[in-house]
Amino acid sequence: MNTIKKITFATALTTLAGMAMAANPMVGGAPMYEQKTIVENAVNSADHTTLVAAVKAADLVDTLNSAGPFTVFAPVNDAFAALPEGTVETLLKPENKAMLQKVLTAHVVAGDWSAAEIAEAARNSTDGFYHFNAVSGDALSAQVKGGDVYIYDESGNASKVTIADVDQSNGVIHVVNGVLVPK
């Protein structure tokens, strides 16, 4: 009888450990760990190499490794590639560091906002949009369309949340398919 209990207990622990690891979706082919910071996880995503290079060039690594909490709308490489030709290369030049910081911080919101919380705020608003500010000071809006959450920049460009609620030790990442461009 003790053997059965030990096996059952061991099986339960293994199952719980698997559930804990499965709590976060894979991003860019890599597991995302809740005990790691935004930057520690992002560097492992094959879909976010441009974003990681930009964060490093903008000297924002320490900020995004700090306690936060932060909500980050993380554009994939294809989102950066869809910008007008030469945009990324121009932003990565040392003389454009302040502009790059502004663009990147337009993707960061103070606090730990789940997609469900953002969607609920949008649904409960009078105009169907949840309006909030990025740490850059730029206005963002969220809307739910067809069950998907979209984040709009100040110019009205929409980025769809393609992977939501990737929990981090210092906040949450929502993967988006577009770059939010401040005015």
Foldseek 3Di string as FASTA:
>chain_A
DVVVVVVVVVVVVVVVVVVQQVPFDAAQNHGFHQAAFPLVRQVPHPFQPLVNLLCVLLVNPVVRRDQFQKEFAGAGPQQVVPPPPPPSVVCSDNVNSVQSVLQRQQRIATDADFPVNLAVCQCPDPVSWRWDGGPSRFIKIWHADPNWIWIAGPVGDTWTQPGTFRHYSRHGYGYTHHGRHHD
